[in-house]
Amino acid sequence: MQWLYDVAYFFGSAFLTNALPHFISGLMGQPFPSPFAKPPGKGLSSSTVNVLWGFLNLVIAYVLLCRVGNFNLRATDQIIAAGLGILLFGTITARLFGRFRGGNEPVSTVVVKE
């Protein structure tokens, strides 16, 4: 049954990773893609929508990380599960949002205007 806790910690950390850009963009008053934009995930949602979406993701992350089992920062299997969730979801979202915001350009092709 322990492996089910690790699955919860994996998804909890993925929700935590997803919460950060939405919540921070919303706090900064900047629009950001969300599932509620048109088209979903590609268009921009308002800062208010992003604060609410980010907060919901934080609540889900809290439930999965803090209320399922007994998450322990010293338990290697739990940290690996959470770390993989952060790494995998972070990489996926970086690639996804990078297509729309120019973040997937190789450093050598970036032109600096003076």
PDB file of N, CA and C in Angstrom:
ATOM      1  N   MET A   1       0.815  -1.196   0.000  1.00  0.00           N
ATOM      2  CA  MET A   1       0.000   0.000   0.000  1.00  0.00           C
ATOM      3  C   MET A   1       0.860   1.262   0.000  1.00  0.00           C
ATOM      4  N   GLN A   2       2.119   1.141   0.391  1.00  0.00           N
ATOM      5  CA  GLN A   2       3.024   2.293   0.444  1.00  0.00           C
ATOM      6  C   GLN A   2       3.197   2.928  -0.920  1.00  0.00           C
ATOM      7  N   TRP A   3       3.174   2.144  -1.992  1.00  0.00           N
ATOM      8  CA  TRP A   3       3.374   2.693  -3.325  1.00  0.00           C
ATOM      9  C   TRP A   3       2.244   3.652  -3.711  1.00  0.00           C
ATOM     10  N   LEU A   4       1.044   3.447  -3.159  1.00  0.00           N
ATOM     11  CA  LEU A   4      -0.054   4.371  -3.428  1.00  0.00           C
ATOM     12  C   LEU A   4       0.233   5.754  -2.839  1.00  0.00           C
ATOM     13  N   TYR A   5       0.886   5.776  -1.696  1.00  0.00           N
ATOM     14  CA  TYR A   5       1.292   7.058  -1.117  1.00  0.00           C
ATOM     15  C   TYR A   5       2.293   7.766  -2.027  1.00  0.00           C
ATOM     16  N   ASP A   6       3.229   6.998  -2.572  1.00  0.00           N
ATOM     17  CA  ASP A   6       4.216   7.586  -3.479  1.00  0.00           C
ATOM     18  C   ASP A   6       3.549   8.160  -4.727  1.00  0.00           C
ATOM     19  N   VAL A   7       2.517   7.497  -5.224  1.00  0.00           N
ATOM     20  CA  VAL A   7       1.767   8.017  -6.373  1.00  0.00           C
ATOM     21  C   VAL A   7       1.090   9.334  -5.991  1.00  0.00           C
ATOM     22  N   ALA A   8       0.513   9.387  -4.791  1.00  0.00           N
ATOM     23  CA  ALA A   8      -0.122  10.622  -4.321  1.00  0.00           C
ATOM     24  C   ALA A   8       0.911  11.737  -4.196  1.00  0.00           C
ATOM     25  N   TYR A   9       2.108  11.426  -3.705  1.00  0.00           N
ATOM     26  CA  TYR A   9       3.153  12.449  -3.555  1.00  0.00           C
ATOM     27  C   TYR A   9       3.658  12.922  -4.922  1.00  0.00           C
ATOM     28  N   PHE A  10       3.724  12.006  -5.889  1.00  0.00           N
ATOM     29  CA  PHE A  10       4.112  12.370  -7.250  1.00  0.00           C
ATOM     30  C   PHE A  10       3.125  13.391  -7.813  1.00  0.00           C
ATOM     31  N   PHE A  11       1.836  13.082  -7.740  1.00  0.00           N
ATOM     32  CA  PHE A  11       0.824  13.995  -8.285  1.00  0.00           C
ATOM     33  C   PHE A  11       0.675  15.252  -7.440  1.00  0.00           C
ATOM     34  N   GLY A  12       0.875  15.141  -6.136  1.00  0.00           N
ATOM     35  CA  GLY A  12       0.832  16.328  -5.284  1.00  0.00           C
ATOM     36  C   GLY A  12       1.911  17.323  -5.668  1.00  0.00           C
ATOM     37  N   SER A  13       3.096  16.828  -5.940  1.00  0.00           N
ATOM     38  CA  SER A  13       4.176  17.737  -6.341  1.00  0.00           C
ATOM     39  C   SER A  13       3.934  18.290  -7.743  1.00  0.00           C
ATOM     40  N   ALA A  14       3.281  17.515  -8.614  1.00  0.00           N
ATOM     41  CA  ALA A  14       2.932  18.030  -9.944  1.00  0.00           C
ATOM     42  C   ALA A  14       1.920  19.170  -9.816  1.00  0.00           C
ATOM     43  N   PHE A  15       0.925  19.012  -8.939  1.00  0.00           N
ATOM     44  CA  PHE A  15      -0.034  20.097  -8.713  1.00  0.00           C
ATOM     45  C   PHE A  15       0.649  21.312  -8.096  1.00  0.00           C
ATOM     46  N   LEU A  16       1.595  21.085  -7.201  1.00  0.00           N
ATOM     47  CA  LEU A  16       2.338  22.194  -6.611  1.00  0.00           C
ATOM     48  C   LEU A  16       3.134  22.936  -7.692  1.00  0.00           C
ATOM     49  N   THR A  17       3.767  22.192  -8.574  1.00  0.00           N
ATOM     50  CA  THR A  17       4.520  22.793  -9.669  1.00  0.00           C
ATOM     51  C   THR A  17       3.609  23.595 -10.592  1.00  0.00           C
ATOM     52  N   ASN A  18       2.416  23.089 -10.843  1.00  0.00           N
ATOM     53  CA  ASN A  18       1.464  23.802 -11.689  1.00  0.00           C
ATOM     54  C   ASN A  18       0.912  25.048 -10.997  1.00  0.00           C
ATOM     55  N   ALA A  19       0.800  25.019  -9.688  1.00  0.00           N
ATOM     56  CA  ALA A  19       0.242  26.156  -8.957  1.00  0.00           C
ATOM     57  C   ALA A  19       1.135  27.384  -9.045  1.00  0.00           C
ATOM     58  N   LEU A  20       2.426  27.183  -9.020  1.00  0.00           N
ATOM     59  CA  LEU A  20       3.352  28.309  -8.926  1.00  0.00           C
ATOM     60  C   LEU A  20       3.249  29.325 -10.057  1.00  0.00           C
ATOM     61  N   PRO A  21       3.350  28.932 -11.334  1.00  0.00           N
ATOM     62  CA  PRO A  21       3.301  29.961 -12.374  1.00  0.00           C
ATOM     63  C   PRO A  21       1.950  30.664 -12.455  1.00  0.00           C
ATOM     64  N   HIS A  22       0.872  29.916 -12.216  1.00  0.00           N
ATOM     65  CA  HIS A  22      -0.454  30.525 -12.270  1.00  0.00           C
ATOM     66  C   HIS A  22      -0.637  31.535 -11.142  1.00  0.00           C
ATOM     67  N   PHE A  23      -0.306  31.119  -9.940  1.00  0.00           N
ATOM     68  CA  PHE A  23      -0.506  31.992  -8.780  1.00  0.00           C
ATOM     69  C   PHE A  23       0.402  33.223  -8.865  1.00  0.00           C
ATOM     70  N   ILE A  24       1.652  33.020  -9.213  1.00  0.00           N
ATOM     71  CA  ILE A  24       2.599  34.138  -9.282  1.00  0.00           C
ATOM     72  C   ILE A  24       2.224  35.102 -10.405  1.00  0.00           C
ATOM     73  N   SER A  25       1.863  34.582 -11.575  1.00  0.00           N
ATOM     74  CA  SER A  25       1.425  35.464 -12.659  1.00  0.00           C
ATOM     75  C   SER A  25       0.207  36.266 -12.236  1.00  0.00           C
ATOM     76  N   GLY A  26      -0.723  35.606 -11.573  1.00  0.00           N
ATOM     77  CA  GLY A  26      -1.910  36.302 -11.100  1.00  0.00           C
ATOM     78  C   GLY A  26      -1.575  37.380 -10.088  1.00  0.00           C
ATOM     79  N   LEU A  27      -0.682  37.101  -9.159  1.00  0.00           N
ATOM     80  CA  LEU A  27      -0.279  38.097  -8.164  1.00  0.00           C
ATOM     81  C   LEU A  27       0.402  39.291  -8.815  1.00  0.00           C
ATOM     82  N   MET A  28       1.116  39.039  -9.914  1.00  0.00           N
ATOM     83  CA  MET A  28       1.805  40.113 -10.625  1.00  0.00           C
ATOM     84  C   MET A  28       0.862  40.879 -11.548  1.00  0.00           C
ATOM     85  N   GLY A  29      -0.392  40.427 -11.636  1.00  0.00           N
ATOM     86  CA  GLY A  29      -1.360  41.097 -12.489  1.00  0.00           C
ATOM     87  C   GLY A  29      -1.184  40.809 -13.964  1.00  0.00           C
ATOM     88  N   GLN A  30      -0.518  39.703 -14.284  1.00  0.00           N
ATOM     89  CA  GLN A  30      -0.247  39.355 -15.675  1.00  0.00           C
ATOM     90  C   GLN A  30      -1.139  38.213 -16.136  1.00  0.00           C
ATOM     91  N   PRO A  31      -1.620  38.273 -17.376  1.00  0.00           N
ATOM     92  CA  PRO A  31      -2.372  37.145 -17.907  1.00  0.00           C
ATOM     93  C   PRO A  31      -1.434  35.961 -18.136  1.00  0.00           C
ATOM     94  N   PHE A  32      -1.993  34.765 -18.111  1.00  0.00           N
ATOM     95  CA  PHE A  32      -1.199  33.551 -18.276  1.00  0.00           C
ATOM     96  C   PHE A  32      -2.117  32.464 -18.818  1.00  0.00           C
ATOM     97  N   PRO A  33      -1.623  31.544 -19.650  1.00  0.00           N
ATOM     98  CA  PRO A  33      -2.477  30.470 -20.169  1.00  0.00           C
ATOM     99  C   PRO A  33      -3.044  29.610 -19.042  1.00  0.00           C
ATOM    100  N   SER A  34      -4.296  29.225 -19.193  1.00  0.00           N
ATOM    101  CA  SER A  34      -4.921  28.314 -18.234  1.00  0.00           C
ATOM    102  C   SER A  34      -5.926  27.449 -18.973  1.00  0.00           C
ATOM    103  N   PRO A  35      -6.470  26.441 -18.308  1.00  0.00           N
ATOM    104  CA  PRO A  35      -7.477  25.597 -18.961  1.00  0.00           C
ATOM    105  C   PRO A  35      -8.770  26.356 -19.279  1.00  0.00           C
ATOM    106  N   PHE A  36      -8.945  27.533 -18.714  1.00  0.00           N
ATOM    107  CA  PHE A  36     -10.179  28.293 -18.899  1.00  0.00           C
ATOM    108  C   PHE A  36     -10.069  29.315 -20.022  1.00  0.00           C
ATOM    109  N   ALA A  37      -8.904  29.434 -20.626  1.00  0.00           N
ATOM    110  CA  ALA A  37      -8.700  30.379 -21.726  1.00  0.00           C
ATOM    111  C   ALA A  37      -9.306  29.801 -23.009  1.00  0.00           C
ATOM    112  N   LYS A  38      -9.448  30.658 -24.003  1.00  0.00           N
ATOM    113  CA  LYS A  38      -9.919  30.211 -25.305  1.00  0.00           C
ATOM    114  C   LYS A  38      -8.829  30.494 -26.315  1.00  0.00           C
ATOM    115  N   PRO A  39      -8.249  29.480 -26.950  1.00  0.00           N
ATOM    116  CA  PRO A  39      -8.425  28.057 -26.721  1.00  0.00           C
ATOM    117  C   PRO A  39      -7.743  27.614 -25.420  1.00  0.00           C
ATOM    118  N   PRO A  40      -8.268  26.576 -24.789  1.00  0.00           N
ATOM    119  CA  PRO A  40      -7.729  26.133 -23.495  1.00  0.00           C
ATOM    120  C   PRO A  40      -6.236  25.827 -23.556  1.00  0.00           C
ATOM    121  N   GLY A  41      -5.500  26.382 -22.604  1.00  0.00           N
ATOM    122  CA  GLY A  41      -4.064  26.137 -22.517  1.00  0.00           C
ATOM    123  C   GLY A  41      -3.224  26.936 -23.484  1.00  0.00           C
ATOM    124  N   LYS A  42      -3.859  27.627 -24.427  1.00  0.00           N
ATOM    125  CA  LYS A  42      -3.111  28.410 -25.408  1.00  0.00           C
ATOM    126  C   LYS A  42      -3.408  29.892 -25.279  1.00  0.00           C
ATOM    127  N   GLY A  43      -4.680  30.223 -25.068  1.00  0.00           N
ATOM    128  CA  GLY A  43      -5.048  31.617 -24.870  1.00  0.00           C
ATOM    129  C   GLY A  43      -4.658  32.073 -23.477  1.00  0.00           C
ATOM    130  N   LEU A  44      -4.858  33.340 -23.206  1.00  0.00           N
ATOM    131  CA  LEU A  44      -4.484  33.896 -21.906  1.00  0.00           C
ATOM    132  C   LEU A  44      -5.720  34.094 -21.035  1.00  0.00           C
ATOM    133  N   SER A  45      -5.590  33.762 -19.775  1.00  0.00           N
ATOM    134  CA  SER A  45      -6.638  34.010 -18.786  1.00  0.00           C
ATOM    135  C   SER A  45      -6.241  35.212 -17.954  1.00  0.00           C
ATOM    136  N   SER A  46      -7.224  35.833 -17.350  1.00  0.00           N
ATOM    137  CA  SER A  46      -6.970  37.023 -16.528  1.00  0.00           C
ATOM    138  C   SER A  46      -6.150  36.659 -15.293  1.00  0.00           C
ATOM    139  N   SER A  47      -5.597  37.671 -14.679  1.00  0.00           N
ATOM    140  CA  SER A  47      -4.815  37.447 -13.463  1.00  0.00           C
ATOM    141  C   SER A  47      -5.689  36.883 -12.351  1.00  0.00           C
ATOM    142  N   THR A  48      -6.938  37.302 -12.273  1.00  0.00           N
ATOM    143  CA  THR A  48      -7.844  36.786 -11.236  1.00  0.00           C
ATOM    144  C   THR A  48      -8.102  35.299 -11.432  1.00  0.00           C
ATOM    145  N   VAL A  49      -8.361  34.895 -12.657  1.00  0.00           N
ATOM    146  CA  VAL A  49      -8.576  33.475 -12.948  1.00  0.00           C
ATOM    147  C   VAL A  49      -7.332  32.674 -12.578  1.00  0.00           C
ATOM    148  N   ASN A  50      -6.158  33.210 -12.861  1.00  0.00           N
ATOM    149  CA  ASN A  50      -4.922  32.496 -12.550  1.00  0.00           C
ATOM    150  C   ASN A  50      -4.663  32.393 -11.056  1.00  0.00           C
ATOM    151  N   VAL A  51      -5.010  33.419 -10.294  1.00  0.00           N
ATOM    152  CA  VAL A  51      -4.873  33.315  -8.831  1.00  0.00           C
ATOM    153  C   VAL A  51      -5.798  32.218  -8.311  1.00  0.00           C
ATOM    154  N   LEU A  52      -7.031  32.190  -8.799  1.00  0.00           N
ATOM    155  CA  LEU A  52      -7.976  31.163  -8.346  1.00  0.00           C
ATOM    156  C   LEU A  52      -7.539  29.770  -8.769  1.00  0.00           C
ATOM    157  N   TRP A  53      -7.083  29.622 -10.014  1.00  0.00           N
ATOM    158  CA  TRP A  53      -6.615  28.325 -10.499  1.00  0.00           C
ATOM    159  C   TRP A  53      -5.357  27.882  -9.741  1.00  0.00           C
ATOM    160  N   GLY A  54      -4.452  28.809  -9.520  1.00  0.00           N
ATOM    161  CA  GLY A  54      -3.249  28.484  -8.755  1.00  0.00           C
ATOM    162  C   GLY A  54      -3.573  28.075  -7.333  1.00  0.00           C
ATOM    163  N   PHE A  55      -4.536  28.774  -6.710  1.00  0.00           N
ATOM    164  CA  PHE A  55      -4.918  28.437  -5.344  1.00  0.00           C
ATOM    165  C   PHE A  55      -5.562  27.050  -5.281  1.00  0.00           C
ATOM    166  N   LEU A  56      -6.424  26.722  -6.247  1.00  0.00           N
ATOM    167  CA  LEU A  56      -7.022  25.387  -6.280  1.00  0.00           C
ATOM    168  C   LEU A  56      -5.940  24.318  -6.413  1.00  0.00           C
ATOM    169  N   ASN A  57      -4.944  24.565  -7.254  1.00  0.00           N
ATOM    170  CA  ASN A  57      -3.833  23.621  -7.390  1.00  0.00           C
ATOM    171  C   ASN A  57      -3.055  23.488  -6.088  1.00  0.00           C
ATOM    172  N   LEU A  58      -2.888  24.592  -5.352  1.00  0.00           N
ATOM    173  CA  LEU A  58      -2.224  24.526  -4.046  1.00  0.00           C
ATOM    174  C   LEU A  58      -3.013  23.690  -3.049  1.00  0.00           C
ATOM    175  N   VAL A  59      -4.324  23.828  -3.058  1.00  0.00           N
ATOM    176  CA  VAL A  59      -5.174  23.039  -2.154  1.00  0.00           C
ATOM    177  C   VAL A  59      -5.045  21.556  -2.482  1.00  0.00           C
ATOM    178  N   ILE A  60      -5.100  21.214  -3.770  1.00  0.00           N
ATOM    179  CA  ILE A  60      -4.963  19.808  -4.169  1.00  0.00           C
ATOM    180  C   ILE A  60      -3.578  19.280  -3.791  1.00  0.00           C
ATOM    181  N   ALA A  61      -2.546  20.080  -4.003  1.00  0.00           N
ATOM    182  CA  ALA A  61      -1.184  19.673  -3.628  1.00  0.00           C
ATOM    183  C   ALA A  61      -1.091  19.437  -2.125  1.00  0.00           C
ATOM    184  N   TYR A  62      -1.692  20.326  -1.345  1.00  0.00           N
ATOM    185  CA  TYR A  62      -1.686  20.167   0.121  1.00  0.00           C
ATOM    186  C   TYR A  62      -2.346  18.854   0.526  1.00  0.00           C
ATOM    187  N   VAL A  63      -3.497  18.579  -0.056  1.00  0.00           N
ATOM    188  CA  VAL A  63      -4.209  17.345   0.297  1.00  0.00           C
ATOM    189  C   VAL A  63      -3.363  16.128  -0.045  1.00  0.00           C
ATOM    190  N   LEU A  64      -2.782  16.103  -1.240  1.00  0.00           N
ATOM    191  CA  LEU A  64      -2.015  14.934  -1.674  1.00  0.00           C
ATOM    192  C   LEU A  64      -0.678  14.789  -0.945  1.00  0.00           C
ATOM    193  N   LEU A  65      -0.047  15.902  -0.585  1.00  0.00           N
ATOM    194  CA  LEU A  65       1.257  15.824   0.069  1.00  0.00           C
ATOM    195  C   LEU A  65       1.162  15.747   1.596  1.00  0.00           C
ATOM    196  N   CYS A  66       0.177  16.402   2.167  1.00  0.00           N
ATOM    197  CA  CYS A  66       0.150  16.521   3.626  1.00  0.00           C
ATOM    198  C   CYS A  66      -0.939  15.710   4.314  1.00  0.00           C
ATOM    199  N   ARG A  67      -1.966  15.306   3.585  1.00  0.00           N
ATOM    200  CA  ARG A  67      -3.075  14.598   4.220  1.00  0.00           C
ATOM    201  C   ARG A  67      -3.142  13.126   3.828  1.00  0.00           C
ATOM    202  N   VAL A  68      -2.369  12.734   2.820  1.00  0.00           N
ATOM    203  CA  VAL A  68      -2.315  11.329   2.411  1.00  0.00           C
ATOM    204  C   VAL A  68      -1.070  10.725   3.048  1.00  0.00           C
ATOM    205  N   GLY A  69      -1.266   9.707   3.837  1.00  0.00           N
ATOM    206  CA  GLY A  69      -0.129   9.082   4.500  1.00  0.00           C
ATOM    207  C   GLY A  69       0.557  10.053   5.446  1.00  0.00           C
ATOM    208  N   ASN A  70       1.859   9.894   5.563  1.00  0.00           N
ATOM    209  CA  ASN A  70       2.661  10.746   6.436  1.00  0.00           C
ATOM    210  C   ASN A  70       3.930  11.125   5.680  1.00  0.00           C
ATOM    211  N   PHE A  71       3.832  12.173   4.840  1.00  0.00           N
ATOM    212  CA  PHE A  71       4.969  12.581   4.011  1.00  0.00           C
ATOM    213  C   PHE A  71       6.143  12.964   4.892  1.00  0.00           C
ATOM    214  N   ASN A  72       7.301  12.370   4.592  1.00  0.00           N
ATOM    215  CA  ASN A  72       8.492  12.569   5.398  1.00  0.00           C
ATOM    216  C   ASN A  72       9.636  12.999   4.480  1.00  0.00           C
ATOM    217  N   LEU A  73      10.192  14.174   4.743  1.00  0.00           N
ATOM    218  CA  LEU A  73      11.289  14.677   3.919  1.00  0.00           C
ATOM    219  C   LEU A  73      12.545  13.814   4.008  1.00  0.00           C
ATOM    220  N   ARG A  74      12.626  12.953   5.002  1.00  0.00           N
ATOM    221  CA  ARG A  74      13.790  12.067   5.149  1.00  0.00           C
ATOM    222  C   ARG A  74      13.579  10.686   4.543  1.00  0.00           C
ATOM    223  N   ALA A  75      12.378  10.428   4.018  1.00  0.00           N
ATOM    224  CA  ALA A  75      12.095   9.133   3.384  1.00  0.00           C
ATOM    225  C   ALA A  75      12.470   9.226   1.905  1.00  0.00           C
ATOM    226  N   THR A  76      13.485   8.490   1.524  1.00  0.00           N
ATOM    227  CA  THR A  76      14.027   8.576   0.174  1.00  0.00           C
ATOM    228  C   THR A  76      12.987   8.289  -0.895  1.00  0.00           C
ATOM    229  N   ASP A  77      12.181   7.244  -0.716  1.00  0.00           N
ATOM    230  CA  ASP A  77      11.194   6.912  -1.736  1.00  0.00           C
ATOM    231  C   ASP A  77      10.163   8.023  -1.916  1.00  0.00           C
ATOM    232  N   GLN A  78       9.794   8.676  -0.829  1.00  0.00           N
ATOM    233  CA  GLN A  78       8.815   9.757  -0.912  1.00  0.00           C
ATOM    234  C   GLN A  78       9.411  10.994  -1.592  1.00  0.00           C
ATOM    235  N   ILE A  79      10.646  11.300  -1.289  1.00  0.00           N
ATOM    236  CA  ILE A  79      11.314  12.440  -1.919  1.00  0.00           C
ATOM    237  C   ILE A  79      11.545  12.176  -3.404  1.00  0.00           C
ATOM    238  N   ILE A  80      11.898  10.943  -3.756  1.00  0.00           N
ATOM    239  CA  ILE A  80      12.078  10.603  -5.171  1.00  0.00           C
ATOM    240  C   ILE A  80      10.759  10.743  -5.916  1.00  0.00           C
ATOM    241  N   ALA A  81       9.667  10.251  -5.335  1.00  0.00           N
ATOM    242  CA  ALA A  81       8.354  10.367  -5.974  1.00  0.00           C
ATOM    243  C   ALA A  81       7.972  11.832  -6.170  1.00  0.00           C
ATOM    244  N   ALA A  82       8.137  12.647  -5.134  1.00  0.00           N
ATOM    245  CA  ALA A  82       7.802  14.073  -5.237  1.00  0.00           C
ATOM    246  C   ALA A  82       8.745  14.779  -6.207  1.00  0.00           C
ATOM    247  N   GLY A  83      10.016  14.478  -6.143  1.00  0.00           N
ATOM    248  CA  GLY A  83      10.990  15.105  -7.037  1.00  0.00           C
ATOM    249  C   GLY A  83      10.730  14.766  -8.497  1.00  0.00           C
ATOM    250  N   LEU A  84      10.348  13.518  -8.770  1.00  0.00           N
ATOM    251  CA  LEU A  84      10.026  13.133 -10.137  1.00  0.00           C
ATOM    252  C   LEU A  84       8.782  13.863 -10.635  1.00  0.00           C
ATOM    253  N   GLY A  85       7.808  14.070  -9.756  1.00  0.00           N
ATOM    254  CA  GLY A  85       6.611  14.829 -10.133  1.00  0.00           C
ATOM    255  C   GLY A  85       6.962  16.253 -10.499  1.00  0.00           C
ATOM    256  N   ILE A  86       7.830  16.873  -9.703  1.00  0.00           N
ATOM    257  CA  ILE A  86       8.267  18.245  -9.984  1.00  0.00           C
ATOM    258  C   ILE A  86       9.049  18.296 -11.296  1.00  0.00           C
ATOM    259  N   LEU A  87      10.007  17.397 -11.442  1.00  0.00           N
ATOM    260  CA  LEU A  87      10.856  17.388 -12.638  1.00  0.00           C
ATOM    261  C   LEU A  87      10.055  17.104 -13.903  1.00  0.00           C
ATOM    262  N   LEU A  88       9.225  16.069 -13.877  1.00  0.00           N
ATOM    263  CA  LEU A  88       8.464  15.694 -15.061  1.00  0.00           C
ATOM    264  C   LEU A  88       7.455  16.778 -15.438  1.00  0.00           C
ATOM    265  N   PHE A  89       6.653  17.227 -14.477  1.00  0.00           N
ATOM    266  CA  PHE A  89       5.639  18.224 -14.797  1.00  0.00           C
ATOM    267  C   PHE A  89       6.278  19.566 -15.144  1.00  0.00           C
ATOM    268  N   GLY A  90       7.363  19.906 -14.461  1.00  0.00           N
ATOM    269  CA  GLY A  90       8.076  21.136 -14.785  1.00  0.00           C
ATOM    270  C   GLY A  90       8.628  21.125 -16.197  1.00  0.00           C
ATOM    271  N   THR A  91       9.181  20.005 -16.618  1.00  0.00           N
ATOM    272  CA  THR A  91       9.724  19.884 -17.971  1.00  0.00           C
ATOM    273  C   THR A  91       8.610  19.952 -19.012  1.00  0.00           C
ATOM    274  N   ILE A  92       7.508  19.266 -18.742  1.00  0.00           N
ATOM    275  CA  ILE A  92       6.379  19.278 -19.676  1.00  0.00           C
ATOM    276  C   ILE A  92       5.823  20.689 -19.826  1.00  0.00           C
ATOM    277  N   THR A  93       5.611  21.379 -18.727  1.00  0.00           N
ATOM    278  CA  THR A  93       5.045  22.723 -18.816  1.00  0.00           C
ATOM    279  C   THR A  93       6.043  23.714 -19.422  1.00  0.00           C
ATOM    280  N   ALA A  94       7.317  23.533 -19.166  1.00  0.00           N
ATOM    281  CA  ALA A  94       8.317  24.410 -19.790  1.00  0.00           C
ATOM    282  C   ALA A  94       8.268  24.265 -21.304  1.00  0.00           C
ATOM    283  N   ARG A  95       8.180  23.050 -21.782  1.00  0.00           N
ATOM    284  CA  ARG A  95       8.089  22.818 -23.225  1.00  0.00           C
ATOM    285  C   ARG A  95       6.779  23.350 -23.780  1.00  0.00           C
ATOM    286  N   LEU A  96       5.683  23.119 -23.077  1.00  0.00           N
ATOM    287  CA  LEU A  96       4.368  23.554 -23.539  1.00  0.00           C
ATOM    288  C   LEU A  96       4.280  25.076 -23.610  1.00  0.00           C
ATOM    289  N   PHE A  97       4.584  25.760 -22.507  1.00  0.00           N
ATOM    290  CA  PHE A  97       4.475  27.211 -22.482  1.00  0.00           C
ATOM    291  C   PHE A  97       5.605  27.870 -23.268  1.00  0.00           C
ATOM    292  N   GLY A  98       6.732  27.194 -23.410  1.00  0.00           N
ATOM    293  CA  GLY A  98       7.841  27.741 -24.181  1.00  0.00           C
ATOM    294  C   GLY A  98       7.495  27.922 -25.645  1.00  0.00           C
ATOM    295  N   ARG A  99       6.597  27.079 -26.158  1.00  0.00           N
ATOM    296  CA  ARG A  99       6.162  27.221 -27.551  1.00  0.00           C
ATOM    297  C   ARG A  99       5.452  28.550 -27.771  1.00  0.00           C
ATOM    298  N   PHE A 100       4.733  29.012 -26.769  1.00  0.00           N
ATOM    299  CA  PHE A 100       3.931  30.215 -26.927  1.00  0.00           C
ATOM    300  C   PHE A 100       4.649  31.470 -26.454  1.00  0.00           C
ATOM    301  N   ARG A 101       5.647  31.310 -25.604  1.00  0.00           N
ATOM    302  CA  ARG A 101       6.285  32.477 -25.016  1.00  0.00           C
ATOM    303  C   ARG A 101       7.756  32.618 -25.401  1.00  0.00           C
ATOM    304  N   GLY A 102       8.228  31.801 -26.338  1.00  0.00           N
ATOM    305  CA  GLY A 102       9.589  31.920 -26.835  1.00  0.00           C
ATOM    306  C   GLY A 102      10.643  31.301 -25.944  1.00  0.00           C
ATOM    307  N   GLY A 103      10.268  30.445 -25.019  1.00  0.00           N
ATOM    308  CA  GLY A 103      11.224  29.861 -24.090  1.00  0.00           C
ATOM    309  C   GLY A 103      11.946  28.643 -24.599  1.00  0.00           C
ATOM    310  N   ASN A 104      11.612  28.173 -25.787  1.00  0.00           N
ATOM    311  CA  ASN A 104      12.263  26.981 -26.324  1.00  0.00           C
ATOM    312  C   ASN A 104      13.347  27.315 -27.342  1.00  0.00           C
ATOM    313  N   GLU A 105      13.693  28.578 -27.463  1.00  0.00           N
ATOM    314  CA  GLU A 105      14.744  28.976 -28.396  1.00  0.00           C
ATOM    315  C   GLU A 105      16.097  28.607 -27.832  1.00  0.00           C
ATOM    316  N   PRO A 106      16.958  27.997 -28.646  1.00  0.00           N
ATOM    317  CA  PRO A 106      18.329  27.752 -28.188  1.00  0.00           C
ATOM    318  C   PRO A 106      19.030  29.084 -27.909  1.00  0.00           C
ATOM    319  N   VAL A 107      19.907  29.084 -26.945  1.00  0.00           N
ATOM    320  CA  VAL A 107      20.589  30.313 -26.549  1.00  0.00           C
ATOM    321  C   VAL A 107      21.343  30.935 -27.718  1.00  0.00           C
ATOM    322  N   SER A 108      21.900  30.110 -28.596  1.00  0.00           N
ATOM    323  CA  SER A 108      22.696  30.632 -29.700  1.00  0.00           C
ATOM    324  C   SER A 108      21.874  31.387 -30.734  1.00  0.00           C
ATOM    325  N   THR A 109      20.545  31.193 -30.768  1.00  0.00           N
ATOM    326  CA  THR A 109      19.724  31.881 -31.771  1.00  0.00           C
ATOM    327  C   THR A 109      19.055  33.138 -31.217  1.00  0.00           C
ATOM    328  N   VAL A 110      19.244  33.436 -29.959  1.00  0.00           N
ATOM    329  CA  VAL A 110      18.636  34.627 -29.378  1.00  0.00           C
ATOM    330  C   VAL A 110      19.427  35.847 -29.822  1.00  0.00           C
ATOM    331  N   VAL A 111      18.723  36.828 -30.357  1.00  0.00           N
ATOM    332  CA  VAL A 111      19.352  38.055 -30.847  1.00  0.00           C
ATOM    333  C   VAL A 111      19.081  39.161 -29.852  1.00  0.00           C
ATOM    334  N   VAL A 112      20.134  39.822 -29.406  1.00  0.00           N
ATOM    335  CA  VAL A 112      20.002  40.916 -28.461  1.00  0.00           C
ATOM    336  C   VAL A 112      20.093  42.217 -29.244  1.00  0.00           C
ATOM    337  N   LYS A 113      19.066  43.057 -29.096  1.00  0.00           N
ATOM    338  CA  LYS A 113      19.072  44.369 -29.769  1.00  0.00           C
ATOM    339  C   LYS A 113      19.663  45.406 -28.850  1.00  0.00           C
ATOM    340  N   GLU A 114      20.527  46.228 -29.395  1.00  0.00           N
ATOM    341  CA  GLU A 114      21.145  47.266 -28.585  1.00  0.00           C
ATOM    342  C   GLU A 114      20.511  48.590 -28.840  1.00  0.00           C
TER     343      GLU A 114
END
